[in-house]
């Protein structure tokens, strides 16, 4: 299995940014274990990177590898949406049924 290469773009140290980081780390730790690398970029501190990546809204997650490249926008609280974006299997929990 190739390591997942992920980039998360946030705006400042806000609750929305914090929530996206925690949601993503929880999902990745549960589903991928050590098989991912995550780079978090605050676009207030590094606006050129955001411009180069054409980031229009934050938080934005970019899955660069394995292909194809995927983008997910939002606080990443929708587990199903995140797993589908990462192209990982999704199983509905008892609470969601």
PDB file of N, CA and C in Angstrom:
ATOM      1  N   UNK A   1       0.846  -1.185   0.000  1.00  0.00           N
ATOM      2  CA  UNK A   1       0.000   0.000   0.000  1.00  0.00           C
ATOM      3  C   UNK A   1       0.887   1.242   0.000  1.00  0.00           C
ATOM      4  N   UNK A   2       0.637   2.150  -0.941  1.00  0.00           N
ATOM      5  CA  UNK A   2       1.367   3.410  -0.977  1.00  0.00           C
ATOM      6  C   UNK A   2       0.900   4.302   0.162  1.00  0.00           C
ATOM      7  N   UNK A   3       1.849   5.080   0.689  1.00  0.00           N
ATOM      8  CA  UNK A   3       1.478   6.049   1.725  1.00  0.00           C
ATOM      9  C   UNK A   3       0.625   7.140   1.100  1.00  0.00           C
ATOM     10  N   UNK A   4      -0.385   7.536   1.824  1.00  0.00           N
ATOM     11  CA  UNK A   4      -1.219   8.645   1.382  1.00  0.00           C
ATOM     12  C   UNK A   4      -0.464   9.938   1.640  1.00  0.00           C
ATOM     13  N   UNK A   5      -0.431  10.807   0.643  1.00  0.00           N
ATOM     14  CA  UNK A   5       0.180  12.126   0.747  1.00  0.00           C
ATOM     15  C   UNK A   5      -0.962  13.137   0.796  1.00  0.00           C
ATOM     16  N   UNK A   6      -1.118  13.784   1.942  1.00  0.00           N
ATOM     17  CA  UNK A   6      -2.237  14.693   2.151  1.00  0.00           C
ATOM     18  C   UNK A   6      -1.745  16.088   2.495  1.00  0.00           C
ATOM     19  N   UNK A   7      -2.466  17.084   1.978  1.00  0.00           N
ATOM     20  CA  UNK A   7      -2.200  18.480   2.311  1.00  0.00           C
ATOM     21  C   UNK A   7      -3.496  19.092   2.811  1.00  0.00           C
ATOM     22  N   UNK A   8      -3.435  19.708   3.972  1.00  0.00           N
ATOM     23  CA  UNK A   8      -4.597  20.380   4.531  1.00  0.00           C
ATOM     24  C   UNK A   8      -4.296  21.869   4.621  1.00  0.00           C
ATOM     25  N   UNK A   9      -5.168  22.668   4.031  1.00  0.00           N
ATOM     26  CA  UNK A   9      -5.017  24.121   4.055  1.00  0.00           C
ATOM     27  C   UNK A   9      -6.058  24.704   5.001  1.00  0.00           C
ATOM     28  N   UNK A  10      -5.578  25.505   5.952  1.00  0.00           N
ATOM     29  CA  UNK A  10      -6.442  26.129   6.950  1.00  0.00           C
ATOM     30  C   UNK A  10      -6.206  27.640   6.938  1.00  0.00           C
ATOM     31  N   UNK A  11      -7.081  28.358   7.646  1.00  0.00           N
ATOM     32  CA  UNK A  11      -6.933  29.806   7.787  1.00  0.00           C
ATOM     33  C   UNK A  11      -6.851  30.140   9.262  1.00  0.00           C
ATOM     34  N   UNK A  12      -5.641  30.368   9.741  1.00  0.00           N
ATOM     35  CA  UNK A  12      -5.450  30.775  11.127  1.00  0.00           C
ATOM     36  C   UNK A  12      -5.747  29.677  12.131  1.00  0.00           C
ATOM     37  N   UNK A  13      -5.685  30.076  13.393  1.00  0.00           N
ATOM     38  CA  UNK A  13      -5.911  29.149  14.502  1.00  0.00           C
ATOM     39  C   UNK A  13      -7.335  29.338  15.009  1.00  0.00           C
ATOM     40  N   UNK A  14      -8.285  28.908  14.188  1.00  0.00           N
ATOM     41  CA  UNK A  14      -9.695  29.071  14.518  1.00  0.00           C
ATOM     42  C   UNK A  14     -10.294  27.731  14.930  1.00  0.00           C
ATOM     43  N   UNK A  15     -11.484  27.780  15.497  1.00  0.00           N
ATOM     44  CA  UNK A  15     -12.194  26.559  15.867  1.00  0.00           C
ATOM     45  C   UNK A  15     -12.445  25.697  14.633  1.00  0.00           C
ATOM     46  N   UNK A  16     -12.809  26.324  13.525  1.00  0.00           N
ATOM     47  CA  UNK A  16     -13.081  25.602  12.277  1.00  0.00           C
ATOM     48  C   UNK A  16     -11.814  24.877  11.793  1.00  0.00           C
ATOM     49  N   UNK A  17     -10.673  25.554  11.863  1.00  0.00           N
ATOM     50  CA  UNK A  17      -9.400  24.938  11.462  1.00  0.00           C
ATOM     51  C   UNK A  17      -9.038  23.795  12.402  1.00  0.00           C
ATOM     52  N   UNK A  18      -9.167  24.037  13.690  1.00  0.00           N
ATOM     53  CA  UNK A  18      -8.857  23.023  14.696  1.00  0.00           C
ATOM     54  C   UNK A  18      -9.718  21.783  14.498  1.00  0.00           C
ATOM     55  N   UNK A  19     -11.003  22.001  14.220  1.00  0.00           N
ATOM     56  CA  UNK A  19     -11.935  20.895  14.007  1.00  0.00           C
ATOM     57  C   UNK A  19     -11.530  20.066  12.783  1.00  0.00           C
ATOM     58  N   UNK A  20     -11.154  20.732  11.701  1.00  0.00           N
ATOM     59  CA  UNK A  20     -10.742  20.017  10.490  1.00  0.00           C
ATOM     60  C   UNK A  20      -9.493  19.170  10.746  1.00  0.00           C
ATOM     61  N   UNK A  21      -8.527  19.739  11.441  1.00  0.00           N
ATOM     62  CA  UNK A  21      -7.286  19.011  11.745  1.00  0.00           C
ATOM     63  C   UNK A  21      -7.590  17.775  12.587  1.00  0.00           C
ATOM     64  N   UNK A  22      -8.362  17.952  13.648  1.00  0.00           N
ATOM     65  CA  UNK A  22      -8.684  16.826  14.535  1.00  0.00           C
ATOM     66  C   UNK A  22      -9.520  15.760  13.846  1.00  0.00           C
ATOM     67  N   UNK A  23     -10.512  16.179  13.056  1.00  0.00           N
ATOM     68  CA  UNK A  23     -11.333  15.210  12.328  1.00  0.00           C
ATOM     69  C   UNK A  23     -10.479  14.400  11.363  1.00  0.00           C
ATOM     70  N   UNK A  24      -9.610  15.080  10.627  1.00  0.00           N
ATOM     71  CA  UNK A  24      -8.773  14.392   9.651  1.00  0.00           C
ATOM     72  C   UNK A  24      -7.797  13.433  10.324  1.00  0.00           C
ATOM     73  N   UNK A  25      -7.147  13.893  11.371  1.00  0.00           N
ATOM     74  CA  UNK A  25      -6.188  13.014  12.069  1.00  0.00           C
ATOM     75  C   UNK A  25      -6.875  11.783  12.647  1.00  0.00           C
ATOM     76  N   UNK A  26      -8.052  11.965  13.207  1.00  0.00           N
ATOM     77  CA  UNK A  26      -8.781  10.833  13.778  1.00  0.00           C
ATOM     78  C   UNK A  26      -9.128   9.810  12.687  1.00  0.00           C
ATOM     79  N   UNK A  27      -9.660  10.286  11.581  1.00  0.00           N
ATOM     80  CA  UNK A  27     -10.033   9.388  10.483  1.00  0.00           C
ATOM     81  C   UNK A  27      -8.802   8.689   9.924  1.00  0.00           C
ATOM     82  N   UNK A  28      -7.744   9.437   9.683  1.00  0.00           N
ATOM     83  CA  UNK A  28      -6.532   8.844   9.113  1.00  0.00           C
ATOM     84  C   UNK A  28      -5.891   7.843  10.065  1.00  0.00           C
ATOM     85  N   UNK A  29      -5.832   8.172  11.349  1.00  0.00           N
ATOM     86  CA  UNK A  29      -5.256   7.242  12.320  1.00  0.00           C
ATOM     87  C   UNK A  29      -6.056   5.942  12.378  1.00  0.00           C
ATOM     88  N   UNK A  30      -7.379   6.058  12.325  1.00  0.00           N
ATOM     89  CA  UNK A  30      -8.234   4.871  12.394  1.00  0.00           C
ATOM     90  C   UNK A  30      -8.174   4.044  11.113  1.00  0.00           C
ATOM     91  N   UNK A  31      -8.137   4.702   9.967  1.00  0.00           N
ATOM     92  CA  UNK A  31      -8.237   4.004   8.687  1.00  0.00           C
ATOM     93  C   UNK A  31      -6.895   3.683   8.043  1.00  0.00           C
ATOM     94  N   UNK A  32      -5.892   4.532   8.271  1.00  0.00           N
ATOM     95  CA  UNK A  32      -4.614   4.371   7.575  1.00  0.00           C
ATOM     96  C   UNK A  32      -3.456   4.021   8.491  1.00  0.00           C
ATOM     97  N   UNK A  33      -3.633   4.188   9.792  1.00  0.00           N
ATOM     98  CA  UNK A  33      -2.536   3.930  10.724  1.00  0.00           C
ATOM     99  C   UNK A  33      -1.364   4.845  10.423  1.00  0.00           C
ATOM    100  N   UNK A  34      -0.206   4.261  10.158  1.00  0.00           N
ATOM    101  CA  UNK A  34       1.004   5.040   9.866  1.00  0.00           C
ATOM    102  C   UNK A  34       1.211   5.234   8.368  1.00  0.00           C
ATOM    103  N   UNK A  35       0.219   4.879   7.568  1.00  0.00           N
ATOM    104  CA  UNK A  35       0.385   4.906   6.110  1.00  0.00           C
ATOM    105  C   UNK A  35      -0.040   6.228   5.478  1.00  0.00           C
ATOM    106  N   UNK A  36       0.228   7.340   6.177  1.00  0.00           N
ATOM    107  CA  UNK A  36      -0.078   8.640   5.580  1.00  0.00           C
ATOM    108  C   UNK A  36       0.896   9.694   6.075  1.00  0.00           C
ATOM    109  N   UNK A  37       1.071  10.698   5.240  1.00  0.00           N
ATOM    110  CA  UNK A  37       1.847  11.885   5.599  1.00  0.00           C
ATOM    111  C   UNK A  37       0.949  13.083   5.399  1.00  0.00           C
ATOM    112  N   UNK A  38       0.897  13.940   6.402  1.00  0.00           N
ATOM    113  CA  UNK A  38       0.023  15.098   6.374  1.00  0.00           C
ATOM    114  C   UNK A  38       0.842  16.366   6.526  1.00  0.00           C
ATOM    115  N   UNK A  39       0.636  17.293   5.603  1.00  0.00           N
ATOM    116  CA  UNK A  39       1.247  18.613   5.680  1.00  0.00           C
ATOM    117  C   UNK A  39       0.115  19.607   5.875  1.00  0.00           C
ATOM    118  N   UNK A  40       0.202  20.405   6.951  1.00  0.00           N
ATOM    119  CA  UNK A  40      -0.813  21.414   7.236  1.00  0.00           C
ATOM    120  C   UNK A  40      -0.226  22.778   6.923  1.00  0.00           C
ATOM    121  N   UNK A  41      -0.944  23.543   6.107  1.00  0.00           N
ATOM    122  CA  UNK A  41      -0.488  24.866   5.707  1.00  0.00           C
ATOM    123  C   UNK A  41      -1.520  25.909   6.114  1.00  0.00           C
ATOM    124  N   UNK A  42      -1.081  26.897   6.887  1.00  0.00           N
ATOM    125  CA  UNK A  42      -1.924  28.031   7.246  1.00  0.00           C
ATOM    126  C   UNK A  42      -1.740  29.070   6.147  1.00  0.00           C
ATOM    127  N   UNK A  43      -2.815  29.340   5.404  1.00  0.00           N
ATOM    128  CA  UNK A  43      -2.670  30.244   4.256  1.00  0.00           C
ATOM    129  C   UNK A  43      -2.441  31.691   4.675  1.00  0.00           C
ATOM    130  N   UNK A  44      -2.690  32.031   5.943  1.00  0.00           N
ATOM    131  CA  UNK A  44      -2.363  33.376   6.416  1.00  0.00           C
ATOM    132  C   UNK A  44      -0.849  33.539   6.554  1.00  0.00           C
ATOM    133  N   UNK A  45      -0.172  32.437   6.869  1.00  0.00           N
ATOM    134  CA  UNK A  45       1.281  32.472   7.030  1.00  0.00           C
ATOM    135  C   UNK A  45       2.017  32.193   5.725  1.00  0.00           C
ATOM    136  N   UNK A  46       1.386  31.448   4.819  1.00  0.00           N
ATOM    137  CA  UNK A  46       2.027  31.087   3.550  1.00  0.00           C
ATOM    138  C   UNK A  46       1.051  31.268   2.385  1.00  0.00           C
ATOM    139  N   UNK A  47       0.686  32.519   2.092  1.00  0.00           N
ATOM    140  CA  UNK A  47      -0.323  32.761   1.047  1.00  0.00           C
ATOM    141  C   UNK A  47       0.120  32.327  -0.350  1.00  0.00           C
ATOM    142  N   UNK A  48       1.411  32.320  -0.633  1.00  0.00           N
ATOM    143  CA  UNK A  48       1.872  31.944  -1.961  1.00  0.00           C
ATOM    144  C   UNK A  48       1.592  30.466  -2.254  1.00  0.00           C
ATOM    145  N   UNK A  49       1.753  29.625  -1.237  1.00  0.00           N
ATOM    146  CA  UNK A  49       1.463  28.197  -1.426  1.00  0.00           C
ATOM    147  C   UNK A  49      -0.021  28.015  -1.741  1.00  0.00           C
ATOM    148  N   UNK A  50      -0.876  28.728  -1.032  1.00  0.00           N
ATOM    149  CA  UNK A  50      -2.315  28.644  -1.284  1.00  0.00           C
ATOM    150  C   UNK A  50      -2.643  29.109  -2.697  1.00  0.00           C
ATOM    151  N   UNK A  51      -1.997  30.165  -3.130  1.00  0.00           N
ATOM    152  CA  UNK A  51      -2.221  30.655  -4.487  1.00  0.00           C
ATOM    153  C   UNK A  51      -1.748  29.634  -5.514  1.00  0.00           C
ATOM    154  N   UNK A  52      -0.567  29.055  -5.285  1.00  0.00           N
ATOM    155  CA  UNK A  52      -0.027  28.054  -6.212  1.00  0.00           C
ATOM    156  C   UNK A  52      -0.948  26.837  -6.315  1.00  0.00           C
ATOM    157  N   UNK A  53      -1.573  26.458  -5.204  1.00  0.00           N
ATOM    158  CA  UNK A  53      -2.467  25.282  -5.165  1.00  0.00           C
ATOM    159  C   UNK A  53      -3.906  25.640  -5.552  1.00  0.00           C
ATOM    160  N   UNK A  54      -4.149  26.931  -5.824  1.00  0.00           N
ATOM    161  CA  UNK A  54      -5.473  27.425  -6.197  1.00  0.00           C
ATOM    162  C   UNK A  54      -6.532  27.119  -5.131  1.00  0.00           C
ATOM    163  N   UNK A  55      -6.180  27.433  -3.885  1.00  0.00           N
ATOM    164  CA  UNK A  55      -7.093  27.239  -2.763  1.00  0.00           C
ATOM    165  C   UNK A  55      -8.056  28.424  -2.711  1.00  0.00           C
ATOM    166  N   UNK A  56      -9.352  28.140  -2.849  1.00  0.00           N
ATOM    167  CA  UNK A  56     -10.361  29.190  -2.847  1.00  0.00           C
ATOM    168  C   UNK A  56     -11.132  29.260  -1.536  1.00  0.00           C
ATOM    169  N   UNK A  57     -11.140  28.163  -0.784  1.00  0.00           N
ATOM    170  CA  UNK A  57     -11.855  28.107   0.490  1.00  0.00           C
ATOM    171  C   UNK A  57     -11.061  27.225   1.442  1.00  0.00           C
ATOM    172  N   UNK A  58     -11.256  27.464   2.735  1.00  0.00           N
ATOM    173  CA  UNK A  58     -10.590  26.623   3.731  1.00  0.00           C
ATOM    174  C   UNK A  58     -11.615  26.180   4.754  1.00  0.00           C
ATOM    175  N   UNK A  59     -11.355  25.088   5.393  1.00  0.00           N
ATOM    176  CA  UNK A  59     -10.285  24.123   5.169  1.00  0.00           C
ATOM    177  C   UNK A  59     -10.475  23.375   3.848  1.00  0.00           C
ATOM    178  N   UNK A  60      -9.366  23.107   3.192  1.00  0.00           N
ATOM    179  CA  UNK A  60      -9.344  22.287   1.977  1.00  0.00           C
ATOM    180  C   UNK A  60      -8.313  21.197   2.167  1.00  0.00           C
ATOM    181  N   UNK A  61      -8.724  19.968   1.902  1.00  0.00           N
ATOM    182  CA  UNK A  61      -7.830  18.823   1.947  1.00  0.00           C
ATOM    183  C   UNK A  61      -7.550  18.381   0.520  1.00  0.00           C
ATOM    184  N   UNK A  62      -6.272  18.201   0.207  1.00  0.00           N
ATOM    185  CA  UNK A  62      -5.882  17.666  -1.094  1.00  0.00           C
ATOM    186  C   UNK A  62      -5.207  16.324  -0.871  1.00  0.00           C
ATOM    187  N   UNK A  63      -5.745  15.297  -1.522  1.00  0.00           N
ATOM    188  CA  UNK A  63      -5.106  13.977  -1.514  1.00  0.00           C
ATOM    189  C   UNK A  63      -4.285  13.910  -2.795  1.00  0.00           C
ATOM    190  N   UNK A  64      -2.972  13.950  -2.644  1.00  0.00           N
ATOM    191  CA  UNK A  64      -2.095  13.938  -3.819  1.00  0.00           C
ATOM    192  C   UNK A  64      -1.725  12.530  -4.263  1.00  0.00           C
ATOM    193  N   UNK A  65      -1.617  11.640  -3.307  1.00  0.00           N
ATOM    194  CA  UNK A  65      -1.199  10.293  -3.628  1.00  0.00           C
ATOM    195  C   UNK A  65      -1.880   9.347  -2.663  1.00  0.00           C
ATOM    196  N   UNK A  66      -2.276   8.184  -3.090  1.00  0.00           N
ATOM    197  CA  UNK A  66      -2.202   7.643  -4.442  1.00  0.00           C
ATOM    198  C   UNK A  66      -3.196   8.342  -5.371  1.00  0.00           C
ATOM    199  N   UNK A  67      -2.874   8.337  -6.682  1.00  0.00           N
ATOM    200  CA  UNK A  67      -3.751   8.991  -7.652  1.00  0.00           C
ATOM    201  C   UNK A  67      -5.136   8.351  -7.658  1.00  0.00           C
ATOM    202  N   UNK A  68      -6.126   9.075  -8.094  1.00  0.00           N
ATOM    203  CA  UNK A  68      -6.124  10.430  -8.622  1.00  0.00           C
ATOM    204  C   UNK A  68      -6.147  11.469  -7.499  1.00  0.00           C
ATOM    205  N   UNK A  69      -5.756  12.690  -7.842  1.00  0.00           N
ATOM    206  CA  UNK A  69      -5.790  13.800  -6.895  1.00  0.00           C
ATOM    207  C   UNK A  69      -7.255  14.115  -6.590  1.00  0.00           C
ATOM    208  N   UNK A  70      -7.535  14.322  -5.314  1.00  0.00           N
ATOM    209  CA  UNK A  70      -8.887  14.656  -4.862  1.00  0.00           C
ATOM    210  C   UNK A  70      -8.829  15.856  -3.921  1.00  0.00           C
ATOM    211  N   UNK A  71      -9.912  16.654  -3.910  1.00  0.00           N
ATOM    212  CA  UNK A  71     -10.044  17.787  -3.006  1.00  0.00           C
ATOM    213  C   UNK A  71     -11.330  17.650  -2.210  1.00  0.00           C
ATOM    214  N   UNK A  72     -11.225  17.952  -0.923  1.00  0.00           N
ATOM    215  CA  UNK A  72     -12.388  17.943  -0.048  1.00  0.00           C
ATOM    216  C   UNK A  72     -12.374  19.280   0.692  1.00  0.00           C
ATOM    217  N   UNK A  73     -13.498  19.970   0.677  1.00  0.00           N
ATOM    218  CA  UNK A  73     -13.591  21.274   1.325  1.00  0.00           C
ATOM    219  C   UNK A  73     -14.556  21.172   2.500  1.00  0.00           C
ATOM    220  N   UNK A  74     -14.169  21.739   3.636  1.00  0.00           N
ATOM    221  CA  UNK A  74     -15.024  21.760   4.818  1.00  0.00           C
ATOM    222  C   UNK A  74     -14.262  21.301   6.039  1.00  0.00           C
ATOM    223  N   UNK A  75     -14.975  21.171   7.172  1.00  0.00           N
ATOM    224  CA  UNK A  75     -14.309  20.831   8.426  1.00  0.00           C
ATOM    225  C   UNK A  75     -14.047  19.334   8.583  1.00  0.00           C
ATOM    226  N   UNK A  76     -14.348  18.558   7.546  1.00  0.00           N
ATOM    227  CA  UNK A  76     -14.051  17.123   7.481  1.00  0.00           C
ATOM    228  C   UNK A  76     -14.788  16.339   8.558  1.00  0.00           C
ATOM    229  N   UNK A  77     -15.931  16.846   9.000  1.00  0.00           N
ATOM    230  CA  UNK A  77     -16.717  16.153  10.020  1.00  0.00           C
ATOM    231  C   UNK A  77     -17.603  15.065   9.416  1.00  0.00           C
ATOM    232  N   UNK A  78     -17.827  15.111   8.116  1.00  0.00           N
ATOM    233  CA  UNK A  78     -18.627  14.088   7.448  1.00  0.00           C
ATOM    234  C   UNK A  78     -17.703  12.924   7.075  1.00  0.00           C
ATOM    235  N   UNK A  79     -17.653  11.934   7.947  1.00  0.00           N
ATOM    236  CA  UNK A  79     -16.742  10.796   7.783  1.00  0.00           C
ATOM    237  C   UNK A  79     -16.923  10.119   6.423  1.00  0.00           C
ATOM    238  N   UNK A  80     -18.166   9.930   6.020  1.00  0.00           N
ATOM    239  CA  UNK A  80     -18.444   9.278   4.739  1.00  0.00           C
ATOM    240  C   UNK A  80     -17.823  10.063   3.591  1.00  0.00           C
ATOM    241  N   UNK A  81     -17.993  11.376   3.582  1.00  0.00           N
ATOM    242  CA  UNK A  81     -17.452  12.225   2.525  1.00  0.00           C
ATOM    243  C   UNK A  81     -15.929  12.151   2.505  1.00  0.00           C
ATOM    244  N   UNK A  82     -15.305  12.177   3.678  1.00  0.00           N
ATOM    245  CA  UNK A  82     -13.839  12.114   3.751  1.00  0.00           C
ATOM    246  C   UNK A  82     -13.344  10.772   3.236  1.00  0.00           C
ATOM    247  N   UNK A  83     -13.952   9.682   3.684  1.00  0.00           N
ATOM    248  CA  UNK A  83     -13.520   8.354   3.235  1.00  0.00           C
ATOM    249  C   UNK A  83     -13.712   8.188   1.729  1.00  0.00           C
ATOM    250  N   UNK A  84     -14.818   8.686   1.205  1.00  0.00           N
ATOM    251  CA  UNK A  84     -15.037   8.605  -0.238  1.00  0.00           C
ATOM    252  C   UNK A  84     -13.997   9.447  -0.984  1.00  0.00           C
ATOM    253  N   UNK A  85     -13.672  10.621  -0.457  1.00  0.00           N
ATOM    254  CA  UNK A  85     -12.665  11.478  -1.076  1.00  0.00           C
ATOM    255  C   UNK A  85     -11.281  10.847  -1.064  1.00  0.00           C
ATOM    256  N   UNK A  86     -10.996  10.086  -0.007  1.00  0.00           N
ATOM    257  CA  UNK A  86      -9.709   9.395   0.097  1.00  0.00           C
ATOM    258  C   UNK A  86      -9.738   8.048  -0.627  1.00  0.00           C
ATOM    259  N   UNK A  87     -10.916   7.704  -1.158  1.00  0.00           N
ATOM    260  CA  UNK A  87     -11.142   6.437  -1.849  1.00  0.00           C
ATOM    261  C   UNK A  87     -10.882   5.243  -0.936  1.00  0.00           C
ATOM    262  N   UNK A  88     -11.420   5.357   0.278  1.00  0.00           N
ATOM    263  CA  UNK A  88     -11.347   4.276   1.262  1.00  0.00           C
ATOM    264  C   UNK A  88     -12.748   3.712   1.457  1.00  0.00           C
ATOM    265  N   UNK A  89     -12.844   2.433   1.807  1.00  0.00           N
ATOM    266  CA  UNK A  89     -14.173   1.840   2.008  1.00  0.00           C
ATOM    267  C   UNK A  89     -14.899   2.490   3.176  1.00  0.00           C
ATOM    268  N   UNK A  90     -16.180   2.650   3.013  1.00  0.00           N
ATOM    269  CA  UNK A  90     -17.018   3.242   4.050  1.00  0.00           C
ATOM    270  C   UNK A  90     -18.052   2.220   4.483  1.00  0.00           C
ATOM    271  N   UNK A  91     -18.134   2.006   5.787  1.00  0.00           N
ATOM    272  CA  UNK A  91     -19.169   1.140   6.328  1.00  0.00           C
ATOM    273  C   UNK A  91     -19.994   1.952   7.300  1.00  0.00           C
ATOM    274  N   UNK A  92     -21.296   1.916   7.102  1.00  0.00           N
ATOM    275  CA  UNK A  92     -22.212   2.650   7.941  1.00  0.00           C
ATOM    276  C   UNK A  92     -22.200   2.071   9.354  1.00  0.00           C
ATOM    277  N   UNK A  93     -22.079   2.948  10.340  1.00  0.00           N
ATOM    278  CA  UNK A  93     -22.081   2.494  11.725  1.00  0.00           C
ATOM    279  C   UNK A  93     -23.513   2.251  12.176  1.00  0.00           C
ATOM    280  N   UNK A  94     -23.665   1.592  13.314  1.00  0.00           N
ATOM    281  CA  UNK A  94     -24.997   1.333  13.868  1.00  0.00           C
ATOM    282  C   UNK A  94     -25.736   2.630  14.149  1.00  0.00           C
ATOM    283  N   UNK A  95     -25.017   3.673  14.576  1.00  0.00           N
ATOM    284  CA  UNK A  95     -25.629   4.965  14.892  1.00  0.00           C
ATOM    285  C   UNK A  95     -26.191   5.639  13.652  1.00  0.00           C
ATOM    286  N   UNK A  96     -25.590   5.385  12.475  1.00  0.00           N
ATOM    287  CA  UNK A  96     -26.010   6.035  11.237  1.00  0.00           C
ATOM    288  C   UNK A  96     -27.183   5.304  10.567  1.00  0.00           C
ATOM    289  N   UNK A  97     -27.428   4.061  10.955  1.00  0.00           N
ATOM    290  CA  UNK A  97     -28.492   3.264  10.316  1.00  0.00           C
ATOM    291  C   UNK A  97     -29.860   3.724  10.748  1.00  0.00           C
TER     292      UNK A  97
END
